[in-house]
Amino acid sequence: MPRRRIDRANGPTVAAGPSPVPVTCWLCRRLLGRRVEWHHPLPKSRGGRTTEPVHPICHRTLHATFTNHELARMAAAGEPVAERPELQLFLRWIAAKPPDFHAPTKRRR
């Protein structure tokens, strides 16, 4: 697995050979900003080990929208979380925001 580093001037990158590649959010596919959180697509409580980089607002929205049981079921089925109807409004709204954008997140239940 390549080493991850954060360059405060240019944002997060993954060292991949001579030129680093910008890292994008696992959920919204926007470039990541200075703050990066790591999400387990298959929750740790269900045996997940791999993590994906996400914006803090995207991470909070995932956990406010879905339970760990629902996330585990989607991961087992190979269903892309970003295609769920519950997230479409959020993804359209966040698409035009800057990488370090933050807003309060509320449960949608």
Protein backbone atom coordinates (compact mmCIF):
# COMPACT_ATOMS: atom_id res chain seq x y z
CA MET A 1 0.00 0.00 0.00
CA PRO A 2 1.47 3.40 -0.92
CA ARG A 3 2.40 5.78 1.87
CA ARG A 4 0.03 8.65 2.46
CA ARG A 5 1.21 12.11 3.32
CA ILE A 6 -0.39 15.50 3.68
CA ASP A 7 1.28 18.48 2.06
CA ARG A 8 -0.25 21.52 3.80
CA ALA A 9 0.34 23.74 0.75
CA ASN A 10 -1.13 21.42 -1.89
CA GLY A 11 -3.45 19.12 0.08
CA PRO A 12 -3.28 15.35 0.57
CA THR A 13 -1.49 13.16 -1.93
CA VAL A 14 -0.53 9.52 -2.30
CA ALA A 15 3.09 8.87 -3.16
CA ALA A 16 2.95 6.89 -6.40
CA GLY A 17 6.28 6.97 -8.15
CA PRO A 18 7.88 10.23 -9.23
CA SER A 19 4.77 12.46 -9.19
CA PRO A 20 2.15 12.27 -6.40
CA VAL A 21 -1.48 11.80 -7.41
CA PRO A 22 -4.15 13.97 -5.75
CA VAL A 23 -6.45 11.99 -3.47
CA THR A 24 -10.22 12.24 -3.88
CA CYS A 25 -12.99 11.52 -1.43
CA TRP A 26 -14.35 7.97 -1.57
CA LEU A 27 -17.95 9.21 -1.37
CA CYS A 28 -18.22 12.50 -3.31
CA ARG A 29 -15.10 12.19 -5.54
CA ARG A 30 -14.04 15.80 -4.82
CA LEU A 31 -10.40 16.56 -4.01
CA LEU A 32 -9.64 16.27 -0.33
CA GLY A 33 -8.68 19.30 1.74
CA ARG A 34 -6.45 19.68 4.79
CA ARG A 35 -8.64 17.49 7.02
CA VAL A 36 -9.03 13.87 6.01
CA GLU A 37 -10.92 11.14 7.84
CA TRP A 38 -10.81 7.40 7.12
CA HIS A 39 -14.00 5.40 6.59
CA HIS A 40 -14.33 1.60 6.74
CA PRO A 41 -16.67 0.63 3.84
CA LEU A 42 -17.30 -2.60 5.72
CA PRO A 43 -17.58 -1.44 9.36
CA LYS A 44 -14.90 -2.63 11.79
CA SER A 45 -17.67 -4.10 13.94
CA ARG A 46 -18.51 -6.39 11.00
CA GLY A 47 -14.89 -7.40 10.28
CA GLY A 48 -13.83 -4.56 7.95
CA ARG A 49 -10.13 -3.78 7.74
CA THR A 50 -9.70 -1.51 4.72
CA THR A 51 -10.23 2.24 4.93
CA GLU A 52 -10.96 4.93 2.38
CA PRO A 53 -10.21 8.68 2.61
CA VAL A 54 -13.26 10.93 3.01
CA HIS A 55 -14.07 14.52 3.90
CA PRO A 56 -15.24 14.96 7.52
CA ILE A 57 -18.67 16.17 6.29
CA CYS A 58 -19.01 13.14 4.00
CA HIS A 59 -18.04 10.78 6.82
CA ARG A 60 -20.58 12.29 9.20
CA THR A 61 -23.29 12.18 6.54
CA LEU A 62 -22.62 8.48 5.88
CA HIS A 63 -23.02 7.59 9.55
CA ALA A 64 -26.00 9.91 10.02
CA THR A 65 -27.77 8.29 7.06
CA PHE A 66 -26.92 4.60 7.43
CA THR A 67 -26.46 2.20 10.33
CA ASN A 68 -23.42 -0.09 10.47
CA HIS A 69 -25.73 -2.98 9.60
CA GLU A 70 -26.88 -1.19 6.42
CA LEU A 71 -23.30 -0.27 5.47
CA ALA A 72 -22.22 -3.90 5.96
CA ARG A 73 -25.09 -5.17 3.81
CA MET A 74 -24.21 -2.72 1.00
CA ALA A 75 -20.51 -3.66 1.19
CA ALA A 76 -21.30 -7.39 1.06
CA ALA A 77 -23.55 -6.88 -1.96
CA GLY A 78 -20.98 -4.69 -3.69
CA GLU A 79 -23.54 -1.90 -3.90
CA PRO A 80 -21.97 1.56 -4.40
CA VAL A 81 -23.03 3.73 -1.47
CA ALA A 82 -22.86 6.91 -3.57
CA GLU A 83 -25.67 5.62 -5.80
CA ARG A 84 -28.16 5.27 -2.94
CA PRO A 85 -31.15 7.64 -3.27
CA GLU A 86 -30.73 8.76 0.35
CA LEU A 87 -27.42 10.46 -0.56
CA GLN A 88 -28.28 11.99 -3.94
CA LEU A 89 -29.46 15.34 -2.57
CA PHE A 90 -26.35 15.62 -0.37
CA LEU A 91 -23.99 14.71 -3.23
CA ARG A 92 -25.54 17.28 -5.57
CA TRP A 93 -25.35 19.94 -2.85
CA ILE A 94 -21.74 19.22 -1.83
CA ALA A 95 -20.42 18.99 -5.41
CA ALA A 96 -19.85 22.76 -5.73
CA LYS A 97 -18.36 23.25 -2.25
CA PRO A 98 -14.61 23.75 -1.59
CA PRO A 99 -12.62 20.78 -0.21
CA ASP A 100 -12.48 22.11 3.39
CA PHE A 101 -16.16 23.08 3.54
CA HIS A 102 -17.88 22.23 6.82
CA ALA A 103 -21.51 22.44 7.96
CA PRO A 104 -23.45 20.81 10.81
CA THR A 105 -24.73 17.33 9.97
CA LYS A 106 -28.13 16.14 11.15
CA ARG A 107 -29.53 12.63 11.29
CA ARG A 108 -31.94 11.87 8.49
CA ARG A 109 -34.04 9.32 10.33
